[in-house]
């Protein structure tokens, strides 16, 4: 089916927060009537497994795609990349409060020399944080802008599917009106078995690291530091999150020792660890919260404490700084903290 449409996918919030669900519904309802746009809803992006039908649907989209979710843009982008949903970075104008730089702040000029993604197709992926506005109109205007700047030939989605899913697995994502009806039925308590069959399969809340390959230099600090078998290497000897369910829920220790801040925990309460764009040179985020704790601990000290706690809970012995901490990291972190202490705010 030829046309010049952009696909918009709304990744739903965890739980049934009525304010978030209403915003999702308002955006989806407005976009259903919008020319040049195909819209669908999937479960929370971070919680879907690689073979979840929502991920299969996302992988089936051949042209430009806009993904809206309750995560920072960077977290959305690299969670998609992990699931082999890739494209060139699409520029979005809507930013969450944590990502907007104040006029008086120094512009971030840090250059990253990460190893980058692989097998990136010639299309654009736009990532938008649903926390950027409480107004559905703001998102609709931005999607109109994106749609107007793109003219993409699309084809029958079913011919682009990777793997061998059954057509009925994906049909629900191609019927957003029916999906919204089923969601409303569940929220009102009037749902039937037919409504249940219309909704995507359930997901459980998850916790695992996501690697930002635009920053990752493949230094392997994370695989040396993590003692739970989360990390591995692929056929190209690139670091990857191999056994994500081995990660200890709530523990972000490996992100604290990553020299390039390339490890994201999208559900962490601290914006820098959760994927906010603020950087060292721009000082757009509270770096003491990223690199250390409220008590004045350095990042390495905090990471060691977090790792030792999880080792003990796992029935193992604490190792302190004897494993996986290189002298270079210690010196860099000590110097960074000293430099920050010397700054006047």
C-alpha atoms as a PDB file:
ATOM      1  CA  UNK A   1       0.000   0.000   0.000  1.00  0.00           C
ATOM      2  CA  UNK A   2       1.853   3.054  -1.222  1.00  0.00           C
ATOM      3  CA  UNK A   3       1.605   6.404   0.508  1.00  0.00           C
ATOM      4  CA  UNK A   4       3.504   9.129   2.271  1.00  0.00           C
ATOM      5  CA  UNK A   5       2.806   8.338   5.901  1.00  0.00           C
ATOM      6  CA  UNK A   6       4.812   8.357   9.081  1.00  0.00           C
ATOM      7  CA  UNK A   7       4.145   5.665  11.677  1.00  0.00           C
ATOM      8  CA  UNK A   8       3.608   6.884  15.243  1.00  0.00           C
ATOM      9  CA  UNK A   9       3.886   4.359  18.060  1.00  0.00           C
ATOM     10  CA  UNK A  10       2.812   5.281  21.580  1.00  0.00           C
ATOM     11  CA  UNK A  11       4.567   3.216  24.248  1.00  0.00           C
ATOM     12  CA  UNK A  12       2.141   3.105  27.145  1.00  0.00           C
ATOM     13  CA  UNK A  13       2.939   3.927  30.751  1.00  0.00           C
ATOM     14  CA  UNK A  14       3.410   1.197  33.312  1.00  0.00           C
ATOM     15  CA  UNK A  15       0.312   0.685  35.434  1.00  0.00           C
ATOM     16  CA  UNK A  16      -2.951   2.540  34.875  1.00  0.00           C
ATOM     17  CA  UNK A  17      -2.212   6.078  35.966  1.00  0.00           C
ATOM     18  CA  UNK A  18      -5.362   7.898  34.799  1.00  0.00           C
ATOM     19  CA  UNK A  19      -3.559  11.124  33.845  1.00  0.00           C
ATOM     20  CA  UNK A  20      -0.981   9.314  31.739  1.00  0.00           C
ATOM     21  CA  UNK A  21      -3.582   7.062  30.143  1.00  0.00           C
ATOM     22  CA  UNK A  22      -5.746  10.050  29.273  1.00  0.00           C
ATOM     23  CA  UNK A  23      -2.817  11.802  27.591  1.00  0.00           C
ATOM     24  CA  UNK A  24      -2.011   8.657  25.583  1.00  0.00           C
ATOM     25  CA  UNK A  25      -5.647   8.340  24.565  1.00  0.00           C
ATOM     26  CA  UNK A  26      -5.984  12.003  23.602  1.00  0.00           C
ATOM     27  CA  UNK A  27      -2.864  11.823  21.439  1.00  0.00           C
ATOM     28  CA  UNK A  28      -3.917   8.561  19.775  1.00  0.00           C
ATOM     29  CA  UNK A  29      -7.480   9.767  19.136  1.00  0.00           C
ATOM     30  CA  UNK A  30      -6.227  12.977  17.527  1.00  0.00           C
ATOM     31  CA  UNK A  31      -3.692  11.154  15.367  1.00  0.00           C
ATOM     32  CA  UNK A  32      -6.168   8.565  14.114  1.00  0.00           C
ATOM     33  CA  UNK A  33      -7.898  11.392  12.256  1.00  0.00           C
ATOM     34  CA  UNK A  34      -4.632  12.988  11.131  1.00  0.00           C
ATOM     35  CA  UNK A  35      -3.780  12.587   7.423  1.00  0.00           C
ATOM     36  CA  UNK A  36      -0.317  11.248   6.720  1.00  0.00           C
ATOM     37  CA  UNK A  37      -0.081   9.387  10.040  1.00  0.00           C
ATOM     38  CA  UNK A  38      -0.528   5.759  11.070  1.00  0.00           C
ATOM     39  CA  UNK A  39      -0.782   5.380  14.852  1.00  0.00           C
ATOM     40  CA  UNK A  40      -0.667   2.434  17.223  1.00  0.00           C
ATOM     41  CA  UNK A  41      -0.109   1.672  20.895  1.00  0.00           C
ATOM     42  CA  UNK A  42       2.272  -0.867  22.408  1.00  0.00           C
ATOM     43  CA  UNK A  43       3.092  -1.754  26.025  1.00  0.00           C
ATOM     44  CA  UNK A  44       5.866   0.037  27.888  1.00  0.00           C
ATOM     45  CA  UNK A  45       8.942  -0.169  25.683  1.00  0.00           C
ATOM     46  CA  UNK A  46      11.403  -1.134  28.411  1.00  0.00           C
ATOM     47  CA  UNK A  47       9.231  -4.004  29.668  1.00  0.00           C
ATOM     48  CA  UNK A  48       8.635  -5.821  26.397  1.00  0.00           C
ATOM     49  CA  UNK A  49      10.742  -8.886  25.683  1.00  0.00           C
ATOM     50  CA  UNK A  50      12.527  -9.225  22.346  1.00  0.00           C
ATOM     51  CA  UNK A  51       9.843 -11.587  21.015  1.00  0.00           C
ATOM     52  CA  UNK A  52       6.843  -9.664  22.357  1.00  0.00           C
ATOM     53  CA  UNK A  53       4.366  -8.925  19.571  1.00  0.00           C
ATOM     54  CA  UNK A  54       4.785  -5.192  20.284  1.00  0.00           C
ATOM     55  CA  UNK A  55       8.483  -5.471  19.494  1.00  0.00           C
ATOM     56  CA  UNK A  56       7.676  -7.538  16.392  1.00  0.00           C
ATOM     57  CA  UNK A  57       5.350  -4.774  15.285  1.00  0.00           C
ATOM     58  CA  UNK A  58       7.992  -2.090  15.849  1.00  0.00           C
ATOM     59  CA  UNK A  59      10.485  -4.125  13.836  1.00  0.00           C
ATOM     60  CA  UNK A  60       7.905  -4.398  11.059  1.00  0.00           C
ATOM     61  CA  UNK A  61       7.717  -0.640  10.420  1.00  0.00           C
ATOM     62  CA  UNK A  62       9.701  -0.038   7.196  1.00  0.00           C
ATOM     63  CA  UNK A  63       9.826   3.747   6.982  1.00  0.00           C
ATOM     64  CA  UNK A  64      10.268   6.660   9.340  1.00  0.00           C
ATOM     65  CA  UNK A  65       8.826   6.066  12.769  1.00  0.00           C
ATOM     66  CA  UNK A  66       8.023   8.273  15.761  1.00  0.00           C
ATOM     67  CA  UNK A  67       8.109   6.562  19.149  1.00  0.00           C
ATOM     68  CA  UNK A  68       6.540   8.317  22.137  1.00  0.00           C
ATOM     69  CA  UNK A  69       7.222   6.876  25.578  1.00  0.00           C
ATOM     70  CA  UNK A  70       7.541   7.672  29.258  1.00  0.00           C
ATOM     71  CA  UNK A  71      11.344   7.682  29.090  1.00  0.00           C
ATOM     72  CA  UNK A  72      14.061  10.137  28.150  1.00  0.00           C
ATOM     73  CA  UNK A  73      14.697  10.337  24.405  1.00  0.00           C
ATOM     74  CA  UNK A  74      18.113   8.752  24.791  1.00  0.00           C
ATOM     75  CA  UNK A  75      16.672   5.834  26.755  1.00  0.00           C
ATOM     76  CA  UNK A  76      13.975   5.284  24.124  1.00  0.00           C
ATOM     77  CA  UNK A  77      16.491   5.357  21.275  1.00  0.00           C
ATOM     78  CA  UNK A  78      18.910   2.835  22.739  1.00  0.00           C
ATOM     79  CA  UNK A  79      16.198   0.528  24.075  1.00  0.00           C
ATOM     80  CA  UNK A  80      14.931   0.394  20.491  1.00  0.00           C
ATOM     81  CA  UNK A  81      18.456  -0.201  19.198  1.00  0.00           C
ATOM     82  CA  UNK A  82      18.834  -3.128  21.586  1.00  0.00           C
ATOM     83  CA  UNK A  83      15.766  -4.686  19.922  1.00  0.00           C
ATOM     84  CA  UNK A  84      17.231  -4.099  16.411  1.00  0.00           C
ATOM     85  CA  UNK A  85      14.854  -1.198  15.765  1.00  0.00           C
ATOM     86  CA  UNK A  86      17.213   1.319  14.244  1.00  0.00           C
ATOM     87  CA  UNK A  87      17.452   4.370  12.040  1.00  0.00           C
ATOM     88  CA  UNK A  88      19.169   7.705  11.795  1.00  0.00           C
ATOM     89  CA  UNK A  89      18.412  10.121  14.623  1.00  0.00           C
ATOM     90  CA  UNK A  90      15.336  12.204  13.890  1.00  0.00           C
ATOM     91  CA  UNK A  91      15.347  15.676  15.438  1.00  0.00           C
ATOM     92  CA  UNK A  92      12.488  16.472  17.788  1.00  0.00           C
ATOM     93  CA  UNK A  93      11.652  19.872  19.221  1.00  0.00           C
ATOM     94  CA  UNK A  94       9.686  18.696  22.249  1.00  0.00           C
ATOM     95  CA  UNK A  95      11.969  18.164  25.236  1.00  0.00           C
ATOM     96  CA  UNK A  96      11.291  17.183  28.833  1.00  0.00           C
ATOM     97  CA  UNK A  97      12.220  19.681  31.552  1.00  0.00           C
ATOM     98  CA  UNK A  98      15.359  17.742  32.509  1.00  0.00           C
ATOM     99  CA  UNK A  99      16.608  17.892  28.922  1.00  0.00           C
ATOM    100  CA  UNK A 100      16.070  21.585  28.328  1.00  0.00           C
ATOM    101  CA  UNK A 101      19.150  23.701  28.959  1.00  0.00           C
ATOM    102  CA  UNK A 102      18.784  27.027  30.711  1.00  0.00           C
ATOM    103  CA  UNK A 103      19.788  30.079  28.665  1.00  0.00           C
ATOM    104  CA  UNK A 104      22.477  30.904  31.195  1.00  0.00           C
ATOM    105  CA  UNK A 105      24.016  27.447  31.181  1.00  0.00           C
ATOM    106  CA  UNK A 106      27.097  26.672  29.161  1.00  0.00           C
ATOM    107  CA  UNK A 107      26.300  24.808  25.955  1.00  0.00           C
ATOM    108  CA  UNK A 108      27.482  21.209  25.981  1.00  0.00           C
ATOM    109  CA  UNK A 109      30.281  20.854  23.437  1.00  0.00           C
ATOM    110  CA  UNK A 110      31.580  17.463  24.484  1.00  0.00           C
ATOM    111  CA  UNK A 111      32.268  15.188  21.534  1.00  0.00           C
ATOM    112  CA  UNK A 112      31.656  11.459  21.852  1.00  0.00           C
ATOM    113  CA  UNK A 113      33.670   8.858  20.017  1.00  0.00           C
ATOM    114  CA  UNK A 114      31.505   5.839  20.629  1.00  0.00           C
ATOM    115  CA  UNK A 115      31.610   2.722  18.498  1.00  0.00           C
ATOM    116  CA  UNK A 116      28.114   3.484  17.219  1.00  0.00           C
ATOM    117  CA  UNK A 117      25.289   1.212  16.165  1.00  0.00           C
ATOM    118  CA  UNK A 118      25.439  -1.372  13.375  1.00  0.00           C
ATOM    119  CA  UNK A 119      23.213  -2.157  10.404  1.00  0.00           C
ATOM    120  CA  UNK A 120      21.431   1.201  10.547  1.00  0.00           C
ATOM    121  CA  UNK A 121      18.805   1.446   7.774  1.00  0.00           C
ATOM    122  CA  UNK A 122      18.225   4.568   5.718  1.00  0.00           C
ATOM    123  CA  UNK A 123      15.224   5.869   7.620  1.00  0.00           C
ATOM    124  CA  UNK A 124      14.693   8.115  10.629  1.00  0.00           C
ATOM    125  CA  UNK A 125      13.608   7.218  14.137  1.00  0.00           C
ATOM    126  CA  UNK A 126      12.157  10.072  16.196  1.00  0.00           C
ATOM    127  CA  UNK A 127      12.003   9.599  19.969  1.00  0.00           C
ATOM    128  CA  UNK A 128       9.751  11.796  22.116  1.00  0.00           C
ATOM    129  CA  UNK A 129       9.449  11.800  25.905  1.00  0.00           C
ATOM    130  CA  UNK A 130       5.755  11.876  26.882  1.00  0.00           C
ATOM    131  CA  UNK A 131       6.716  13.892  29.968  1.00  0.00           C
ATOM    132  CA  UNK A 132       7.625  16.817  27.709  1.00  0.00           C
ATOM    133  CA  UNK A 133       4.110  18.280  27.885  1.00  0.00           C
ATOM    134  CA  UNK A 134       0.739  17.732  29.552  1.00  0.00           C
ATOM    135  CA  UNK A 135      -0.989  18.848  26.361  1.00  0.00           C
ATOM    136  CA  UNK A 136      -1.889  16.349  23.658  1.00  0.00           C
ATOM    137  CA  UNK A 137      -1.963  19.253  21.205  1.00  0.00           C
ATOM    138  CA  UNK A 138       1.767  19.851  21.708  1.00  0.00           C
ATOM    139  CA  UNK A 139       2.549  16.290  20.629  1.00  0.00           C
ATOM    140  CA  UNK A 140       0.131  16.424  17.698  1.00  0.00           C
ATOM    141  CA  UNK A 141       1.733  19.655  16.447  1.00  0.00           C
ATOM    142  CA  UNK A 142       5.202  18.124  16.665  1.00  0.00           C
ATOM    143  CA  UNK A 143       4.084  15.007  14.801  1.00  0.00           C
ATOM    144  CA  UNK A 144       2.520  17.174  12.122  1.00  0.00           C
ATOM    145  CA  UNK A 145       5.842  18.962  11.766  1.00  0.00           C
ATOM    146  CA  UNK A 146       7.677  15.657  11.460  1.00  0.00           C
ATOM    147  CA  UNK A 147       5.121  14.333   8.981  1.00  0.00           C
ATOM    148  CA  UNK A 148       5.405  17.452   6.819  1.00  0.00           C
ATOM    149  CA  UNK A 149       9.198  17.250   6.649  1.00  0.00           C
ATOM    150  CA  UNK A 150       9.096  13.602   5.604  1.00  0.00           C
ATOM    151  CA  UNK A 151       7.633  11.994   2.548  1.00  0.00           C
ATOM    152  CA  UNK A 152       8.190   8.281   2.917  1.00  0.00           C
ATOM    153  CA  UNK A 153       6.963   5.535   0.650  1.00  0.00           C
ATOM    154  CA  UNK A 154       5.524   2.740   2.747  1.00  0.00           C
ATOM    155  CA  UNK A 155       4.653  -0.824   1.865  1.00  0.00           C
ATOM    156  CA  UNK A 156       2.452  -3.510   3.300  1.00  0.00           C
ATOM    157  CA  UNK A 157       3.759  -3.931   6.857  1.00  0.00           C
ATOM    158  CA  UNK A 158       3.256  -7.670   6.827  1.00  0.00           C
ATOM    159  CA  UNK A 159       5.906  -8.080   4.130  1.00  0.00           C
ATOM    160  CA  UNK A 160       8.562  -6.472   6.358  1.00  0.00           C
ATOM    161  CA  UNK A 161       8.184  -8.667   9.425  1.00  0.00           C
ATOM    162  CA  UNK A 162      11.351 -10.325  10.708  1.00  0.00           C
ATOM    163  CA  UNK A 163      10.994 -13.900  11.927  1.00  0.00           C
ATOM    164  CA  UNK A 164       7.753 -15.783  11.483  1.00  0.00           C
ATOM    165  CA  UNK A 165       4.994 -14.271  13.642  1.00  0.00           C
ATOM    166  CA  UNK A 166       1.398 -15.040  12.805  1.00  0.00           C
ATOM    167  CA  UNK A 167      -0.559 -12.173  11.187  1.00  0.00           C
ATOM    168  CA  UNK A 168      -3.058 -12.171  14.060  1.00  0.00           C
ATOM    169  CA  UNK A 169      -0.221 -11.356  16.460  1.00  0.00           C
ATOM    170  CA  UNK A 170       0.220  -7.992  14.797  1.00  0.00           C
ATOM    171  CA  UNK A 171      -3.315  -7.205  13.677  1.00  0.00           C
ATOM    172  CA  UNK A 172      -4.204  -5.563  16.992  1.00  0.00           C
ATOM    173  CA  UNK A 173      -1.529  -2.924  16.443  1.00  0.00           C
ATOM    174  CA  UNK A 174      -3.069  -2.016  13.089  1.00  0.00           C
ATOM    175  CA  UNK A 175      -6.464  -1.297  14.685  1.00  0.00           C
ATOM    176  CA  UNK A 176      -5.848   1.525  17.179  1.00  0.00           C
ATOM    177  CA  UNK A 177      -9.541   2.399  17.546  1.00  0.00           C
ATOM    178  CA  UNK A 178     -10.361  -1.131  18.689  1.00  0.00           C
ATOM    179  CA  UNK A 179      -7.345  -1.217  20.993  1.00  0.00           C
ATOM    180  CA  UNK A 180      -8.466   2.034  22.642  1.00  0.00           C
ATOM    181  CA  UNK A 181     -11.983   0.655  23.057  1.00  0.00           C
ATOM    182  CA  UNK A 182     -10.631  -2.433  24.809  1.00  0.00           C
ATOM    183  CA  UNK A 183      -8.454  -0.304  27.089  1.00  0.00           C
ATOM    184  CA  UNK A 184     -11.445   1.844  28.078  1.00  0.00           C
ATOM    185  CA  UNK A 185     -13.452  -1.292  28.802  1.00  0.00           C
ATOM    186  CA  UNK A 186     -10.782  -2.554  31.196  1.00  0.00           C
ATOM    187  CA  UNK A 187     -10.473   0.809  32.910  1.00  0.00           C
ATOM    188  CA  UNK A 188     -14.238   0.989  33.413  1.00  0.00           C
ATOM    189  CA  UNK A 189     -14.551  -2.613  34.611  1.00  0.00           C
ATOM    190  CA  UNK A 190     -16.769  -3.710  31.721  1.00  0.00           C
ATOM    191  CA  UNK A 191     -14.202  -5.732  29.787  1.00  0.00           C
ATOM    192  CA  UNK A 192     -14.964  -9.058  28.116  1.00  0.00           C
ATOM    193  CA  UNK A 193     -12.779 -11.908  26.876  1.00  0.00           C
ATOM    194  CA  UNK A 194     -12.947 -10.312  23.440  1.00  0.00           C
ATOM    195  CA  UNK A 195     -11.447  -7.121  24.885  1.00  0.00           C
ATOM    196  CA  UNK A 196      -8.689  -9.137  26.524  1.00  0.00           C
ATOM    197  CA  UNK A 197      -7.821 -10.793  23.217  1.00  0.00           C
ATOM    198  CA  UNK A 198      -7.618  -7.366  21.575  1.00  0.00           C
ATOM    199  CA  UNK A 199      -4.988  -6.034  23.957  1.00  0.00           C
ATOM    200  CA  UNK A 200      -1.298  -6.946  23.668  1.00  0.00           C
ATOM    201  CA  UNK A 201      -0.058  -9.703  25.923  1.00  0.00           C
ATOM    202  CA  UNK A 202       0.914  -8.668  29.442  1.00  0.00           C
ATOM    203  CA  UNK A 203       4.399  -7.541  30.415  1.00  0.00           C
ATOM    204  CA  UNK A 204       6.159  -7.523  33.781  1.00  0.00           C
ATOM    205  CA  UNK A 205       8.303  -4.684  35.054  1.00  0.00           C
ATOM    206  CA  UNK A 206      11.959  -5.204  34.275  1.00  0.00           C
ATOM    207  CA  UNK A 207      15.352  -3.826  35.274  1.00  0.00           C
ATOM    208  CA  UNK A 208      18.436  -4.046  33.086  1.00  0.00           C
ATOM    209  CA  UNK A 209      21.115  -1.753  31.596  1.00  0.00           C
ATOM    210  CA  UNK A 210      20.824  -0.241  28.132  1.00  0.00           C
ATOM    211  CA  UNK A 211      24.031   0.683  26.276  1.00  0.00           C
ATOM    212  CA  UNK A 212      24.292   3.976  24.412  1.00  0.00           C
ATOM    213  CA  UNK A 213      26.682   3.015  21.618  1.00  0.00           C
ATOM    214  CA  UNK A 214      27.102   6.628  20.529  1.00  0.00           C
ATOM    215  CA  UNK A 215      29.115   7.016  23.754  1.00  0.00           C
ATOM    216  CA  UNK A 216      30.373   3.495  24.431  1.00  0.00           C
ATOM    217  CA  UNK A 217      34.039   3.053  23.468  1.00  0.00           C
ATOM    218  CA  UNK A 218      34.032  -0.719  24.092  1.00  0.00           C
ATOM    219  CA  UNK A 219      36.456  -0.281  26.993  1.00  0.00           C
ATOM    220  CA  UNK A 220      34.918  -3.312  28.800  1.00  0.00           C
ATOM    221  CA  UNK A 221      34.941  -1.606  32.206  1.00  0.00           C
ATOM    222  CA  UNK A 222      31.351  -2.775  32.743  1.00  0.00           C
ATOM    223  CA  UNK A 223      32.053  -6.446  32.032  1.00  0.00           C
ATOM    224  CA  UNK A 224      35.036  -6.321  34.407  1.00  0.00           C
ATOM    225  CA  UNK A 225      32.992  -4.656  37.132  1.00  0.00           C
ATOM    226  CA  UNK A 226      29.718  -6.604  36.929  1.00  0.00           C
ATOM    227  CA  UNK A 227      29.966  -9.963  38.713  1.00  0.00           C
ATOM    228  CA  UNK A 228      26.497 -11.197  37.809  1.00  0.00           C
ATOM    229  CA  UNK A 229      27.000 -12.237  34.173  1.00  0.00           C
ATOM    230  CA  UNK A 230      24.897  -9.446  32.678  1.00  0.00           C
ATOM    231  CA  UNK A 231      27.403  -8.375  30.018  1.00  0.00           C
ATOM    232  CA  UNK A 232      28.987 -10.291  27.159  1.00  0.00           C
ATOM    233  CA  UNK A 233      30.441  -9.669  23.708  1.00  0.00           C
ATOM    234  CA  UNK A 234      28.940 -10.289  20.282  1.00  0.00           C
ATOM    235  CA  UNK A 235      30.486 -11.804  17.164  1.00  0.00           C
ATOM    236  CA  UNK A 236      32.171  -8.457  16.431  1.00  0.00           C
ATOM    237  CA  UNK A 237      33.673  -8.340  19.948  1.00  0.00           C
ATOM    238  CA  UNK A 238      31.360  -5.477  20.890  1.00  0.00           C
ATOM    239  CA  UNK A 239      30.060  -5.231  24.435  1.00  0.00           C
ATOM    240  CA  UNK A 240      26.388  -6.091  24.831  1.00  0.00           C
ATOM    241  CA  UNK A 241      23.833  -6.795  27.531  1.00  0.00           C
ATOM    242  CA  UNK A 242      23.706 -10.554  27.137  1.00  0.00           C
ATOM    243  CA  UNK A 243      21.754 -11.804  30.167  1.00  0.00           C
ATOM    244  CA  UNK A 244      19.579  -8.866  31.129  1.00  0.00           C
ATOM    245  CA  UNK A 245      17.544 -10.763  33.703  1.00  0.00           C
ATOM    246  CA  UNK A 246      20.708 -11.469  35.714  1.00  0.00           C
ATOM    247  CA  UNK A 247      20.778  -7.761  36.605  1.00  0.00           C
ATOM    248  CA  UNK A 248      19.902  -6.960  40.207  1.00  0.00           C
ATOM    249  CA  UNK A 249      16.772  -4.847  40.440  1.00  0.00           C
ATOM    250  CA  UNK A 250      17.479  -1.290  41.528  1.00  0.00           C
ATOM    251  CA  UNK A 251      21.259  -1.570  41.207  1.00  0.00           C
ATOM    252  CA  UNK A 252      22.858   0.958  38.789  1.00  0.00           C
ATOM    253  CA  UNK A 253      26.455   0.390  39.948  1.00  0.00           C
ATOM    254  CA  UNK A 254      27.944  -0.318  36.505  1.00  0.00           C
ATOM    255  CA  UNK A 255      26.640   3.002  35.187  1.00  0.00           C
ATOM    256  CA  UNK A 256      28.630   4.838  37.855  1.00  0.00           C
ATOM    257  CA  UNK A 257      31.955   3.344  36.775  1.00  0.00           C
ATOM    258  CA  UNK A 258      31.402   3.750  33.023  1.00  0.00           C
ATOM    259  CA  UNK A 259      33.934   6.392  31.899  1.00  0.00           C
ATOM    260  CA  UNK A 260      31.609   7.712  29.165  1.00  0.00           C
ATOM    261  CA  UNK A 261      28.238   7.612  30.969  1.00  0.00           C
ATOM    262  CA  UNK A 262      27.159   5.180  28.256  1.00  0.00           C
ATOM    263  CA  UNK A 263      25.107   2.868  30.479  1.00  0.00           C
ATOM    264  CA  UNK A 264      21.478   3.819  30.995  1.00  0.00           C
ATOM    265  CA  UNK A 265      19.003   2.458  33.517  1.00  0.00           C
ATOM    266  CA  UNK A 266      15.798   3.990  32.098  1.00  0.00           C
ATOM    267  CA  UNK A 267      13.788   3.489  35.296  1.00  0.00           C
ATOM    268  CA  UNK A 268      16.334   5.028  37.682  1.00  0.00           C
ATOM    269  CA  UNK A 269      15.167   8.045  39.679  1.00  0.00           C
ATOM    270  CA  UNK A 270      18.277  10.096  38.872  1.00  0.00           C
ATOM    271  CA  UNK A 271      17.939  11.728  35.429  1.00  0.00           C
ATOM    272  CA  UNK A 272      21.577  11.286  34.394  1.00  0.00           C
ATOM    273  CA  UNK A 273      21.501   7.538  34.996  1.00  0.00           C
ATOM    274  CA  UNK A 274      18.023   7.282  33.439  1.00  0.00           C
ATOM    275  CA  UNK A 275      19.229   8.799  30.165  1.00  0.00           C
ATOM    276  CA  UNK A 276      18.878  12.586  30.410  1.00  0.00           C
ATOM    277  CA  UNK A 277      21.084  14.377  27.922  1.00  0.00           C
ATOM    278  CA  UNK A 278      22.869  16.615  30.450  1.00  0.00           C
ATOM    279  CA  UNK A 279      26.622  16.288  30.320  1.00  0.00           C
ATOM    280  CA  UNK A 280      29.803  16.987  32.246  1.00  0.00           C
ATOM    281  CA  UNK A 281      30.895  19.987  30.224  1.00  0.00           C
ATOM    282  CA  UNK A 282      27.462  21.582  30.110  1.00  0.00           C
ATOM    283  CA  UNK A 283      26.708  20.922  33.781  1.00  0.00           C
ATOM    284  CA  UNK A 284      23.044  20.647  32.862  1.00  0.00           C
ATOM    285  CA  UNK A 285      22.347  18.017  35.512  1.00  0.00           C
ATOM    286  CA  UNK A 286      23.282  17.511  39.144  1.00  0.00           C
ATOM    287  CA  UNK A 287      26.538  15.640  38.687  1.00  0.00           C
ATOM    288  CA  UNK A 288      26.901  14.880  42.389  1.00  0.00           C
ATOM    289  CA  UNK A 289      23.789  12.731  41.992  1.00  0.00           C
ATOM    290  CA  UNK A 290      25.317  10.894  39.043  1.00  0.00           C
ATOM    291  CA  UNK A 291      28.838  10.335  40.273  1.00  0.00           C
ATOM    292  CA  UNK A 292      28.222   9.992  43.970  1.00  0.00           C
ATOM    293  CA  UNK A 293      25.708  10.191  46.743  1.00  0.00           C
ATOM    294  CA  UNK A 294      24.185  12.787  49.033  1.00  0.00           C
ATOM    295  CA  UNK A 295      26.684  11.864  51.735  1.00  0.00           C
ATOM    296  CA  UNK A 296      29.631  12.991  49.616  1.00  0.00           C
ATOM    297  CA  UNK A 297      30.632   9.523  48.431  1.00  0.00           C
ATOM    298  CA  UNK A 298      32.455   9.281  45.124  1.00  0.00           C
ATOM    299  CA  UNK A 299      30.893   7.346  42.263  1.00  0.00           C
ATOM    300  CA  UNK A 300      33.307   4.450  42.727  1.00  0.00           C
ATOM    301  CA  UNK A 301      32.600   4.269  46.454  1.00  0.00           C
ATOM    302  CA  UNK A 302      28.874   4.230  45.835  1.00  0.00           C
ATOM    303  CA  UNK A 303      29.167   1.634  43.047  1.00  0.00           C
ATOM    304  CA  UNK A 304      31.271  -0.635  45.276  1.00  0.00           C
ATOM    305  CA  UNK A 305      28.719  -0.369  48.058  1.00  0.00           C
ATOM    306  CA  UNK A 306      25.856  -1.183  45.664  1.00  0.00           C
ATOM    307  CA  UNK A 307      27.684  -4.154  44.163  1.00  0.00           C
ATOM    308  CA  UNK A 308      28.751  -5.554  47.556  1.00  0.00           C
ATOM    309  CA  UNK A 309      25.179  -5.326  48.809  1.00  0.00           C
ATOM    310  CA  UNK A 310      23.912  -7.348  45.852  1.00  0.00           C
ATOM    311  CA  UNK A 311      26.689  -9.918  46.228  1.00  0.00           C
ATOM    312  CA  UNK A 312      25.760 -10.467  49.871  1.00  0.00           C
ATOM    313  CA  UNK A 313      22.058 -10.739  49.013  1.00  0.00           C
ATOM    314  CA  UNK A 314      23.086 -13.309  46.391  1.00  0.00           C
ATOM    315  CA  UNK A 315      24.813 -15.398  49.073  1.00  0.00           C
ATOM    316  CA  UNK A 316      28.311 -14.431  47.991  1.00  0.00           C
ATOM    317  CA  UNK A 317      31.203 -12.583  49.584  1.00  0.00           C
ATOM    318  CA  UNK A 318      31.696  -8.843  49.212  1.00  0.00           C
ATOM    319  CA  UNK A 319      34.794  -7.976  47.171  1.00  0.00           C
ATOM    320  CA  UNK A 320      35.154  -4.238  47.752  1.00  0.00           C
ATOM    321  CA  UNK A 321      37.656  -2.598  45.425  1.00  0.00           C
ATOM    322  CA  UNK A 322      39.635  -5.777  44.823  1.00  0.00           C
ATOM    323  CA  UNK A 323      37.742  -6.722  41.647  1.00  0.00           C
ATOM    324  CA  UNK A 324      36.899  -4.749  38.516  1.00  0.00           C
ATOM    325  CA  UNK A 325      38.137  -1.307  39.577  1.00  0.00           C
ATOM    326  CA  UNK A 326      41.015   0.023  37.576  1.00  0.00           C
ATOM    327  CA  UNK A 327      43.404   2.623  38.925  1.00  0.00           C
ATOM    328  CA  UNK A 328      42.625   4.856  35.942  1.00  0.00           C
ATOM    329  CA  UNK A 329      38.961   5.029  36.935  1.00  0.00           C
ATOM    330  CA  UNK A 330      39.860   5.836  40.530  1.00  0.00           C
ATOM    331  CA  UNK A 331      42.128   8.676  39.476  1.00  0.00           C
ATOM    332  CA  UNK A 332      39.638  10.109  36.958  1.00  0.00           C
ATOM    333  CA  UNK A 333      36.747  10.047  39.400  1.00  0.00           C
ATOM    334  CA  UNK A 334      38.831  11.610  42.178  1.00  0.00           C
ATOM    335  CA  UNK A 335      39.932  14.374  39.804  1.00  0.00           C
ATOM    336  CA  UNK A 336      36.367  14.960  38.580  1.00  0.00           C
ATOM    337  CA  UNK A 337      35.028  15.343  42.103  1.00  0.00           C
ATOM    338  CA  UNK A 338      37.885  17.708  42.927  1.00  0.00           C
ATOM    339  CA  UNK A 339      37.133  19.791  39.823  1.00  0.00           C
ATOM    340  CA  UNK A 340      33.442  19.983  40.669  1.00  0.00           C
ATOM    341  CA  UNK A 341      34.174  21.007  44.248  1.00  0.00           C
ATOM    342  CA  UNK A 342      36.321  23.840  42.899  1.00  0.00           C
ATOM    343  CA  UNK A 343      33.557  25.256  40.712  1.00  0.00           C
ATOM    344  CA  UNK A 344      31.458  28.187  41.897  1.00  0.00           C
ATOM    345  CA  UNK A 345      27.718  27.943  41.264  1.00  0.00           C
END
